[in-house]
Protein backbone atom coordinates (compact mmCIF):
# COMPACT_ATOMS: atom_id res chain seq x y z
CA UNK A 1 0.00 0.00 0.00
CA UNK A 2 2.75 2.46 0.94
CA UNK A 3 4.59 1.81 -2.33
CA UNK A 4 1.47 2.50 -4.36
CA UNK A 5 0.77 5.70 -2.46
CA UNK A 6 4.33 6.94 -2.80
CA UNK A 7 4.31 6.30 -6.54
CA UNK A 8 1.05 8.17 -6.88
CA UNK A 9 2.43 11.19 -5.09
CA UNK A 10 5.75 11.15 -6.91
CA UNK A 11 4.28 11.02 -10.42
CA UNK A 12 4.96 14.10 -12.56
CA UNK A 13 1.24 14.44 -13.41
CA UNK A 14 -2.02 14.11 -11.53
CA UNK A 15 -3.12 10.51 -10.86
CA UNK A 16 -5.54 9.04 -13.35
CA UNK A 17 -9.07 8.15 -12.34
CA UNK A 18 -8.18 4.46 -12.54
CA UNK A 19 -5.21 4.87 -10.20
CA UNK A 20 -7.33 6.84 -7.74
CA UNK A 21 -9.90 4.07 -7.83
CA UNK A 22 -7.14 1.51 -7.18
CA UNK A 23 -5.94 3.66 -4.26
CA UNK A 24 -9.44 3.81 -2.82
CA UNK A 25 -9.71 0.02 -2.99
CA UNK A 26 -6.45 -0.26 -1.04
CA UNK A 27 -7.76 2.23 1.52
CA UNK A 28 -10.82 0.09 2.21
CA UNK A 29 -9.20 -2.23 4.74
CA UNK A 30 -8.43 -1.01 8.24
CA UNK A 31 -7.34 -4.45 9.42
CA UNK A 32 -10.42 -5.18 11.47
CA UNK A 33 -12.84 -3.76 8.89
CA UNK A 34 -12.34 -5.06 5.37
CA UNK A 35 -14.34 -2.56 3.33
CA UNK A 36 -15.41 1.03 3.27
CA UNK A 37 -18.74 2.15 4.61
CA UNK A 38 -21.78 1.43 2.46
CA UNK A 39 -21.94 4.28 -0.09
CA UNK A 40 -25.47 5.35 0.84
CA UNK A 41 -24.55 5.48 4.51
CA UNK A 42 -21.29 7.26 3.69
CA UNK A 43 -23.17 9.92 1.73
CA UNK A 44 -25.23 10.63 4.85
CA UNK A 45 -22.62 10.64 7.60
CA UNK A 46 -19.42 11.78 5.87
CA UNK A 47 -18.92 15.11 4.21
CA UNK A 48 -17.20 14.04 1.02
CA UNK A 49 -16.63 17.64 -0.05
CA UNK A 50 -12.94 17.95 0.70
CA UNK A 51 -12.89 21.40 -0.89
CA UNK A 52 -15.04 22.55 2.01
CA UNK A 53 -12.82 20.64 4.43
CA UNK A 54 -9.76 22.30 2.89
CA UNK A 55 -11.14 25.60 4.13
CA UNK A 56 -13.00 24.67 7.33
CA UNK A 57 -11.07 21.76 8.85
CA UNK A 58 -7.71 20.94 7.32
CA UNK A 59 -5.94 24.16 8.45
CA UNK A 60 -6.85 23.25 12.03
CA UNK A 61 -5.72 19.64 11.59
CA UNK A 62 -2.42 21.04 10.32
CA UNK A 63 -1.91 23.27 13.36
CA UNK A 64 -2.79 20.40 15.68
CA UNK A 65 -0.27 18.20 13.87
CA UNK A 66 2.40 20.90 14.03
CA UNK A 67 2.01 21.08 17.80
CA UNK A 68 1.85 17.28 18.04
CA UNK A 69 4.99 16.76 15.95
CA UNK A 70 6.93 19.30 17.99
CA UNK A 71 5.81 17.69 21.25
CA UNK A 72 6.48 14.10 20.13
CA UNK A 73 9.96 15.06 18.96
CA UNK A 74 10.56 16.83 22.26
CA UNK A 75 9.81 13.65 24.25
CA UNK A 76 11.65 11.49 21.66
CA UNK A 77 8.61 9.48 20.56
CA UNK A 78 9.47 10.47 16.98
CA UNK A 79 12.85 11.51 15.66
CA UNK A 80 13.88 14.92 14.42
CA UNK A 81 13.94 13.80 10.80
CA UNK A 82 10.30 12.66 10.82
CA UNK A 83 9.23 15.83 12.61
CA UNK A 84 10.97 17.93 9.97
CA UNK A 85 9.33 15.99 7.14
CA UNK A 86 5.90 16.41 8.70
CA UNK A 87 6.34 20.12 9.32
CA UNK A 88 7.70 20.69 5.83
CA UNK A 89 4.78 18.88 4.20
CA UNK A 90 2.27 20.74 6.35
CA UNK A 91 3.75 24.04 5.20
CA UNK A 92 3.46 22.88 1.58
CA UNK A 93 -0.16 21.87 2.08
CA UNK A 94 -0.97 25.21 3.70
CA UNK A 95 0.64 27.10 0.81
CA UNK A 96 -1.51 25.26 -1.74
CA UNK A 97 -4.70 25.51 0.38
CA UNK A 98 -4.67 21.74 0.91
CA UNK A 99 -5.59 20.99 -2.70
CA UNK A 100 -3.49 17.81 -2.68
CA UNK A 101 -5.77 16.45 0.01
CA UNK A 102 -8.94 17.88 -1.53
CA UNK A 103 -8.36 15.77 -4.63
CA UNK A 104 -8.00 12.48 -2.75
CA UNK A 105 -10.59 9.78 -2.08
CA UNK A 106 -12.24 10.16 1.34
CA UNK A 107 -14.09 6.90 2.02
CA UNK A 108 -13.93 7.47 5.79
CA UNK A 109 -13.99 11.22 6.11
CA UNK A 110 -11.64 14.15 5.78
CA UNK A 111 -9.24 13.36 8.63
CA UNK A 112 -8.23 9.93 7.34
CA UNK A 113 -7.92 11.31 3.81
CA UNK A 114 -5.58 13.94 5.24
CA UNK A 115 -3.58 11.35 7.18
CA UNK A 116 -3.40 9.13 4.10
CA UNK A 117 -1.91 12.02 2.16
CA UNK A 118 0.83 12.46 4.77
CA UNK A 119 1.59 8.74 4.66
CA UNK A 120 1.73 8.79 0.87
CA UNK A 121 4.24 11.65 0.89
CA UNK A 122 6.32 10.95 3.99
CA UNK A 123 5.88 7.21 4.43
CA UNK A 124 3.88 5.00 6.75
CA UNK A 125 5.76 6.38 9.75
CA UNK A 126 3.78 9.62 9.35
CA UNK A 127 0.95 7.84 11.16
CA UNK A 128 3.15 7.88 14.29
CA UNK A 129 1.82 11.39 14.77
CA UNK A 130 -1.21 9.56 16.16
CA UNK A 131 0.74 8.33 19.18
CA UNK A 132 -0.93 9.45 22.40
CA UNK A 133 -4.09 10.74 20.74
CA UNK A 134 -7.15 9.74 18.70
CA UNK A 135 -9.73 11.36 16.49
CA UNK A 136 -11.78 11.85 19.67
CA UNK A 137 -9.45 14.39 21.28
CA UNK A 138 -8.44 15.79 17.88
CA UNK A 139 -12.06 16.58 16.97
CA UNK A 140 -12.80 18.04 20.40
CA UNK A 141 -9.74 20.27 20.02
CA UNK A 142 -10.59 21.18 16.43
CA UNK A 143 -14.06 22.32 17.55
CA UNK A 144 -12.52 24.77 20.01
CA UNK A 145 -9.98 26.08 17.51
CA UNK A 146 -12.67 26.50 14.86
CA UNK A 147 -14.99 28.31 17.27
CA UNK A 148 -12.46 31.03 18.06
CA UNK A 149 -13.15 33.23 15.04
CA UNK A 150 -16.97 33.20 15.16
CA UNK A 151 -16.87 33.57 18.96
CA UNK A 152 -14.70 36.67 18.64
CA UNK A 153 -16.83 38.00 15.80
CA UNK A 154 -20.03 37.65 17.81
CA UNK A 155 -18.54 39.18 20.95
CA UNK A 156 -17.05 42.08 18.99
CA UNK A 157 -20.33 42.69 17.17
CA UNK A 158 -22.12 42.83 20.50
CA UNK A 159 -19.46 45.19 21.84
CA UNK A 160 -19.96 47.53 18.88
CA UNK A 161 -23.71 47.52 19.46
CA UNK A 162 -23.24 48.28 23.16
CA UNK A 163 -20.84 51.11 22.49
CA UNK A 164 -23.23 52.59 19.92
CA UNK A 165 -26.16 52.45 22.35
CA UNK A 166 -24.14 54.16 25.07
CA UNK A 167 -22.95 56.89 22.68
CA UNK A 168 -26.51 57.54 21.47
CA UNK A 169 -27.78 57.58 25.04
CA UNK A 170 -25.29 60.29 26.02
CA UNK A 171 -26.46 62.38 23.07
CA UNK A 172 -30.12 61.98 24.01
CA UNK A 173 -30.20 62.46 27.77
CA UNK A 174 -32.70 65.32 27.34
CA UNK A 175 -34.78 63.77 24.52
CA UNK A 176 -38.20 63.21 26.07
CA UNK A 177 -39.83 60.03 24.82
CA UNK A 178 -42.89 57.94 25.79
CA UNK A 179 -42.54 54.71 27.73
CA UNK A 180 -45.11 52.17 26.58
CA UNK A 181 -46.85 49.40 28.50
CA UNK A 182 -49.22 47.02 26.72
CA UNK A 183 -48.24 48.82 23.51
CA UNK A 184 -49.81 52.06 24.77
CA UNK A 185 -48.11 55.30 25.88
CA UNK A 186 -47.88 54.99 29.66
CA UNK A 187 -45.25 57.23 31.26
CA UNK A 188 -42.87 60.07 30.40
CA UNK A 189 -39.35 58.83 29.73
CA UNK A 190 -36.38 59.72 27.55
CA UNK A 191 -34.79 58.14 24.53
CA UNK A 192 -31.60 57.69 26.58
CA UNK A 193 -33.59 55.84 29.24
CA UNK A 194 -34.64 53.25 26.65
CA UNK A 195 -31.21 52.97 25.05
CA UNK A 196 -29.58 52.40 28.41
CA UNK A 197 -32.14 49.71 29.24
CA UNK A 198 -31.33 47.92 25.99
CA UNK A 199 -27.63 48.22 26.68
CA UNK A 200 -27.90 46.83 30.19
CA UNK A 201 -29.59 43.63 29.10
CA UNK A 202 -27.20 43.21 26.16
CA UNK A 203 -24.27 43.71 28.53
CA UNK A 204 -25.54 40.75 30.54
CA UNK A 205 -25.75 38.79 27.30
CA UNK A 206 -22.10 39.68 26.64
CA UNK A 207 -21.22 38.50 30.15
CA UNK A 208 -22.87 35.16 29.34
CA UNK A 209 -20.71 34.84 26.24
CA UNK A 210 -17.59 35.67 28.23
CA UNK A 211 -18.52 33.03 30.81
CA UNK A 212 -17.98 30.41 28.08
CA UNK A 213 -14.39 31.32 27.28
CA UNK A 214 -12.66 29.33 30.08
CA UNK A 215 -14.16 26.16 28.58
CA UNK A 216 -13.33 27.28 25.05
CA UNK A 217 -9.74 27.95 26.12
CA UNK A 218 -8.97 24.55 27.67
CA UNK A 219 -7.21 22.03 25.42
CA UNK A 220 -8.55 18.51 24.84
CA UNK A 221 -5.45 17.23 23.04
CA UNK A 222 -3.85 14.31 24.87
CA UNK A 223 -7.08 12.88 26.23
CA UNK A 224 -6.94 10.27 23.47
CA UNK A 225 -9.95 8.04 23.09
CA UNK A 226 -10.98 9.04 26.60
CA UNK A 227 -8.51 7.17 28.77
CA UNK A 228 -5.47 9.40 28.45
CA UNK A 229 -2.24 7.58 27.58
CA UNK A 230 0.65 5.72 29.18
CA UNK A 231 3.07 7.58 26.91
CA UNK A 232 5.19 10.39 28.38
CA UNK A 233 3.54 13.09 26.25
CA UNK A 234 3.42 16.77 27.19
CA UNK A 235 -0.20 17.95 26.81
CA UNK A 236 0.76 21.25 28.42
CA UNK A 237 3.18 21.89 25.54
CA UNK A 238 0.62 21.22 22.79
CA UNK A 239 -1.89 23.32 24.74
CA UNK A 240 0.52 26.23 24.89
CA UNK A 241 1.47 26.02 21.23
CA UNK A 242 -2.21 26.05 20.25
CA UNK A 243 -3.02 29.01 22.49
CA UNK A 244 -4.98 27.18 25.19
CA UNK A 245 -4.74 28.11 28.84
CA UNK A 246 -4.01 24.56 29.93
CA UNK A 247 -4.09 20.82 29.10
CA UNK A 248 -6.99 18.41 29.63
CA UNK A 249 -7.87 17.93 33.30
CA UNK A 250 -10.02 14.81 32.83
CA UNK A 251 -9.74 12.66 29.72
CA UNK A 252 -13.35 11.42 29.77
CA UNK A 253 -14.73 14.93 30.19
CA UNK A 254 -12.49 16.18 27.40
CA UNK A 255 -13.87 13.83 24.76
CA UNK A 256 -17.39 13.22 26.11
CA UNK A 257 -18.47 16.78 26.82
CA UNK A 258 -19.75 19.32 24.34
CA UNK A 259 -21.47 21.47 26.95
CA UNK A 260 -19.37 24.26 25.43
CA UNK A 261 -21.75 24.07 22.47
CA UNK A 262 -24.82 24.09 24.70
CA UNK A 263 -23.57 26.96 26.87
CA UNK A 264 -22.64 28.99 23.82
CA UNK A 265 -25.99 28.32 22.15
CA UNK A 266 -27.81 29.04 25.41
CA UNK A 267 -26.07 32.42 25.58
CA UNK A 268 -26.95 33.02 21.93
CA UNK A 269 -30.56 32.03 22.57
CA UNK A 270 -30.97 34.56 25.38
CA UNK A 271 -29.17 37.18 23.28
CA UNK A 272 -31.56 36.43 20.43
CA UNK A 273 -34.51 36.89 22.75
CA UNK A 274 -33.15 40.25 23.88
CA UNK A 275 -32.57 41.37 20.30
CA UNK A 276 -36.05 40.21 19.23
CA UNK A 277 -37.65 42.30 21.99
CA UNK A 278 -35.60 45.33 21.02
CA UNK A 279 -36.62 44.75 17.40
CA UNK A 280 -40.29 44.63 18.41
CA UNK A 281 -39.92 47.88 20.33
CA UNK A 282 -38.33 49.53 17.30
CA UNK A 283 -41.20 48.23 15.15
CA UNK A 284 -43.58 49.93 17.57
CA UNK A 285 -41.65 53.20 17.30
CA UNK A 286 -41.44 53.24 13.51
CA UNK A 287 -45.06 52.17 13.11
CA UNK A 288 -48.18 54.33 13.10
CA UNK A 289 -46.92 56.55 15.90
CA UNK A 290 -43.93 57.57 13.76
CA UNK A 291 -41.78 58.14 16.84
CA UNK A 292 -38.74 57.21 14.78
CA UNK A 293 -37.83 56.63 11.14
CA UNK A 294 -35.39 54.32 9.39
CA UNK A 295 -33.59 55.63 6.27
CA UNK A 296 -34.31 54.24 2.83
CA UNK A 297 -31.28 51.96 2.89
CA UNK A 298 -32.69 50.13 5.92
CA UNK A 299 -36.27 49.55 4.73
CA UNK A 300 -37.90 47.67 1.89
CA UNK A 301 -40.58 48.53 -0.62
CA UNK A 302 -43.69 46.65 -1.65
CA UNK A 303 -43.99 45.10 -5.09
CA UNK A 304 -47.69 46.10 -5.16
CA UNK A 305 -48.23 49.02 -2.76
CA UNK A 306 -46.31 52.13 -3.84
CA UNK A 307 -46.63 53.93 -0.51
CA UNK A 308 -45.03 51.26 1.70
CA UNK A 309 -41.73 51.55 3.60
CA UNK A 310 -41.34 48.19 5.28
CA UNK A 311 -38.95 47.86 8.27
CA UNK A 312 -38.36 44.23 7.33
CA UNK A 313 -34.83 44.05 8.76
CA UNK A 314 -36.34 44.12 12.23
CA UNK A 315 -38.52 41.18 11.29
CA UNK A 316 -35.38 39.42 10.06
CA UNK A 317 -33.94 39.88 13.55
CA UNK A 318 -37.01 38.26 15.07
CA UNK A 319 -36.82 35.35 12.64
CA UNK A 320 -33.12 34.82 13.28
CA UNK A 321 -33.81 34.82 17.03
CA UNK A 322 -36.25 31.96 16.46
CA UNK A 323 -33.63 30.13 14.43
CA UNK A 324 -31.18 30.35 17.33
CA UNK A 325 -33.73 28.72 19.63
CA UNK A 326 -34.09 25.93 17.09
CA UNK A 327 -30.32 25.37 17.04
CA UNK A 328 -30.18 25.16 20.84
CA UNK A 329 -33.13 22.79 21.06
CA UNK A 330 -31.69 20.56 18.32
CA UNK A 331 -28.30 20.43 20.05
CA UNK A 332 -29.56 19.75 23.56
CA UNK A 333 -32.03 17.15 22.28
CA UNK A 334 -29.31 15.32 20.32
CA UNK A 335 -27.15 15.20 23.48
CA UNK A 336 -29.95 14.20 25.81
CA UNK A 337 -29.63 10.72 27.39
CA UNK A 338 -26.46 9.83 25.47
CA UNK A 339 -23.71 7.88 27.29
CA UNK A 340 -21.05 10.02 28.93
CA UNK A 341 -18.20 9.10 26.63
CA UNK A 342 -17.24 9.95 23.08
CA UNK A 343 -20.50 9.78 21.15
CA UNK A 344 -21.30 10.68 17.53
CA UNK A 345 -24.74 11.99 18.50
CA UNK A 346 -22.95 14.53 20.70
CA UNK A 347 -19.70 15.29 18.90
CA UNK A 348 -21.15 15.40 15.39
CA UNK A 349 -24.93 15.65 15.26
CA UNK A 350 -25.46 17.99 18.21
CA UNK A 351 -22.37 20.06 17.51
CA UNK A 352 -23.28 20.88 13.90
CA UNK A 353 -26.00 23.23 15.23
CA UNK A 354 -23.53 25.65 16.79
CA UNK A 355 -22.44 27.15 13.46
CA UNK A 356 -25.85 28.38 12.23
CA UNK A 357 -26.70 29.41 15.79
CA UNK A 358 -23.71 31.73 16.00
CA UNK A 359 -24.25 32.97 12.45
CA UNK A 360 -27.87 33.90 13.25
CA UNK A 361 -26.68 35.68 16.40
CA UNK A 362 -24.05 37.70 14.56
CA UNK A 363 -26.55 38.63 11.86
CA UNK A 364 -29.24 39.67 14.33
CA UNK A 365 -26.86 41.82 16.39
CA UNK A 366 -25.46 43.46 13.26
CA UNK A 367 -28.90 44.29 11.87
CA UNK A 368 -29.98 45.89 15.14
CA UNK A 369 -26.75 47.90 15.21
CA UNK A 370 -27.33 49.14 11.67
CA UNK A 371 -30.88 50.16 12.50
CA UNK A 372 -29.81 52.14 15.56
CA UNK A 373 -26.87 53.74 13.78
CA UNK A 374 -29.16 55.56 11.34
CA UNK A 375 -32.40 55.76 13.34
CA UNK A 376 -33.99 59.21 13.21
CA UNK A 377 -35.95 60.16 16.33
CA UNK A 378 -39.01 62.35 15.68
CA UNK A 379 -38.96 64.54 18.79
CA UNK A 380 -42.05 66.48 17.74
CA UNK A 381 -44.03 63.26 17.35
CA UNK A 382 -42.77 62.02 20.70
CA UNK A 383 -43.80 65.27 22.43
CA UNK A 384 -47.21 65.21 20.75
CA UNK A 385 -47.81 61.61 21.83
CA UNK A 386 -46.86 62.46 25.41
CA UNK A 387 -49.13 65.52 25.47
CA UNK A 388 -52.22 63.76 24.16
CA UNK A 389 -51.87 60.47 26.04
CA UNK A 390 -52.30 61.60 29.69
CA UNK A 391 -48.96 60.00 30.62
CA UNK A 392 -48.73 62.35 33.63
CA UNK A 393 -51.81 60.76 35.21
CA UNK A 394 -49.86 58.59 37.66
CA UNK A 395 -47.73 61.53 38.79
CA UNK A 396 -50.91 63.56 39.24
CA UNK A 397 -52.44 60.87 41.47
CA UNK A 398 -49.18 60.67 43.45
CA UNK A 399 -49.10 64.44 44.06
CA UNK A 400 -52.77 64.55 45.04
CA UNK A 401 -51.99 61.85 47.61
CA UNK A 402 -49.05 63.86 48.98
CA UNK A 403 -51.38 66.84 49.35
CA UNK A 404 -53.06 64.95 52.17
CA UNK A 405 -56.70 65.12 51.10
CA UNK A 406 -56.84 61.72 49.40
CA UNK A 407 -55.30 58.30 49.87
CA UNK A 408 -53.56 56.91 46.80
CA UNK A 409 -56.39 54.62 45.65
CA UNK A 410 -58.94 57.41 45.95
CA UNK A 411 -56.58 59.77 44.09
CA UNK A 412 -55.99 57.10 41.45
CA UNK A 413 -59.72 56.72 40.86
CA UNK A 414 -60.32 60.45 40.81
CA UNK A 415 -57.63 61.03 38.19
CA UNK A 416 -59.08 58.17 36.14
CA UNK A 417 -62.45 59.98 36.14
CA UNK A 418 -60.74 63.21 35.12
CA UNK A 419 -59.08 61.41 32.17
CA UNK A 420 -62.49 60.18 31.01
CA UNK A 421 -63.92 63.70 31.33
CA UNK A 422 -61.05 65.16 29.31
CA UNK A 423 -61.43 62.58 26.55
CA UNK A 424 -65.19 62.97 26.37
CA UNK A 425 -64.94 66.75 26.33
CA UNK A 426 -62.07 66.90 23.86
CA UNK A 427 -59.70 68.51 26.36
CA UNK A 428 -56.05 68.08 25.29
CA UNK A 429 -54.74 67.54 28.84
CA UNK A 430 -55.75 67.27 32.49
CA UNK A 431 -54.69 70.86 33.05
CA UNK A 432 -57.17 72.02 30.43
CA UNK A 433 -60.02 70.91 32.70
CA UNK A 434 -59.21 73.79 35.05
CA UNK A 435 -59.30 71.76 38.28
CA UNK A 436 -55.54 71.06 38.56
CA UNK A 437 -52.37 73.15 38.40
CA UNK A 438 -48.75 72.64 37.38
CA UNK A 439 -47.82 71.61 40.91
CA UNK A 440 -50.38 68.80 41.04
CA UNK A 441 -50.26 67.86 37.35
CA UNK A 442 -46.80 68.67 35.92
CA UNK A 443 -46.16 68.28 32.17
CA UNK A 444 -44.49 65.09 30.92
CA UNK A 445 -41.08 66.65 30.27
CA UNK A 446 -40.83 67.82 33.89
CA UNK A 447 -41.58 64.32 35.15
CA UNK A 448 -39.07 62.71 32.78
CA UNK A 449 -36.29 65.06 33.85
CA UNK A 450 -36.88 64.77 37.59
CA UNK A 451 -37.61 61.03 38.03
CA UNK A 452 -34.25 60.02 39.52
CA UNK A 453 -35.02 57.28 42.01
CA UNK A 454 -35.29 53.64 41.04
CA UNK A 455 -33.33 53.97 37.82
CA UNK A 456 -35.65 56.60 36.38
CA UNK A 457 -35.10 58.73 33.26
CA UNK A 458 -33.68 61.87 34.89
CA UNK A 459 -30.58 62.82 32.85
CA UNK A 460 -28.19 62.82 35.81
CA UNK A 461 -29.41 59.36 36.87
CA UNK A 462 -28.97 58.00 33.35
CA UNK A 463 -25.51 59.58 33.08
CA UNK A 464 -24.43 57.85 36.29
CA UNK A 465 -25.87 54.56 35.05
CA UNK A 466 -23.98 54.95 31.78
CA UNK A 467 -20.68 55.43 33.59
CA UNK A 468 -21.10 52.14 35.43
CA UNK A 469 -22.29 50.40 32.27
CA UNK A 470 -19.41 51.70 30.16
CA UNK A 471 -16.88 50.56 32.76
CA UNK A 472 -18.25 47.04 32.53
CA UNK A 473 -18.19 47.14 28.73
CA UNK A 474 -14.56 48.24 28.77
CA UNK A 475 -13.67 45.38 31.13
CA UNK A 476 -15.37 42.96 28.76
CA UNK A 477 -13.54 44.47 25.80
CA UNK A 478 -10.22 44.15 27.65
CA UNK A 479 -10.92 40.49 28.46
CA UNK A 480 -11.66 39.78 24.80
CA UNK A 481 -8.51 41.61 23.72
CA UNK A 482 -6.44 39.56 26.17
CA UNK A 483 -8.00 36.36 24.88
CA UNK A 484 -7.32 37.26 21.26
CA UNK A 485 -3.80 38.44 22.06
CA UNK A 486 -3.09 35.13 23.75
CA UNK A 487 -4.20 33.23 20.67
CA UNK A 488 -2.09 35.49 18.45
CA UNK A 489 0.98 35.02 20.65
CA UNK A 490 0.53 31.27 20.45
CA UNK A 491 0.48 31.41 16.66
CA UNK A 492 3.80 33.22 16.75
CA UNK A 493 5.23 30.73 19.23
CA UNK A 494 4.06 27.82 17.08
CA UNK A 495 5.79 29.33 14.05
CA UNK A 496 8.97 29.77 16.07
CA UNK A 497 8.73 26.22 17.35
CA UNK A 498 8.37 24.89 13.82
CA UNK A 499 11.46 26.83 12.74
CA UNK A 500 13.30 25.52 15.79
CA UNK A 501 12.58 21.88 14.97
CA UNK A 502 13.51 22.42 11.35
CA UNK A 503 16.75 24.05 12.51
CA UNK A 504 19.51 23.02 14.89
CA UNK A 505 17.80 23.85 18.22
CA UNK A 506 15.05 22.07 20.11
CA UNK A 507 12.00 23.73 21.60
CA UNK A 508 11.90 23.88 25.34
CA UNK A 509 8.67 23.40 27.24
CA UNK A 510 7.32 26.24 29.33
CA UNK A 511 4.30 27.75 31.03
CA UNK A 512 0.83 27.63 29.47
CA UNK A 513 -0.64 30.55 27.56
CA UNK A 514 -3.45 32.57 29.06
């Protein structure tokens, strides 16, 4: 088999279809199993698109193998010559975007096709890279490496949205705006009051994402099938070279658990719920009340109704939020009642849902950010809605109670009767009835700018809230920067380690990356 593979690789032209078929026949036997998987079953469970794998998986396999080769050479489980050959071939594969692997047969998936390529080029001894590991810990490690970019993208998108909301809030501390309950104008508030409320819940959603990163940043490499290994490997070295904070702490947990996926999707699900509620509130504002307007580039037209300006992007957010819930439910259901060991239902079927879940989350957060970035607040419409909606009624009842003549419930009922009288008589406000004054029935803007207690809309209260909120956002941003910097440093260290093994000096082990 090795001779055939070496001849195939060494030929001056691409292998013929017949030779590839012959190679695939030779690849059928694994010793215990004498043939490849049934083709219909293989089409279901294996992704035979190695072009996709060349982009989404093989670069991570290569980095894992770089770290593995360096470590195995360090502990003298492979010799320097083999390590150099492996590292040289991995660099060649990376330079050609893994096209040599993408053109190979893959009867048992992308990893074995990749390993078979290394064996065909280097020799059968290339499979000694597998000492002290298995596909179980490789795939668990690959998942974490592959998650880094979308995890950072989602967290950074959420950070940008938070920073935008805080900036807009500071610019609108004095912008009086109605607070709705049951989709009706209810109380005087400010635009900043609403923006800060949105930001506070989204900041908690960011905290939930950050709570996942210690799991994301723990290596699984070295756990093997699930029982560790008797070999004197250095999992702390491979962890450091791959940018993890530490090696596996329990081999069963490392290969059996994908709660990282569930915790990440759970955080995305709650984030999606938050974004969907914000989207619904924006739909209320840009609806018939015209409290706010989206520019032309953020609305759609109707193919039939010439007058329509449809805020469909906000509906997209709501739909994406539902999609995230579906991803979480699919993942947790696939994992439910599976044995606590390496399990395809967990590591493959459940895990596949994390990618669309994160993509929906990024898209929803980005769409909300775009809508807020160009949202136009109609202050005149907001003032008019406040003036005609009797939103000072509760404050009026409160002040009548403080006057001492009425208890609160009696004052509440009396003001309710006055509202009915005003509506029936066409009076524009309670003051217009002539039975109250500015002290007992202040205008909405006065209430909005003096309601400090309890997290109210008074500008000084919102400004203080923003300071605390912005401090937390900056701490989160710093934590994400540190995480990304650690991963970047590890990439540099891995490159240096590769050069060291290729050259005259050996890499020395050291402390884990953080």
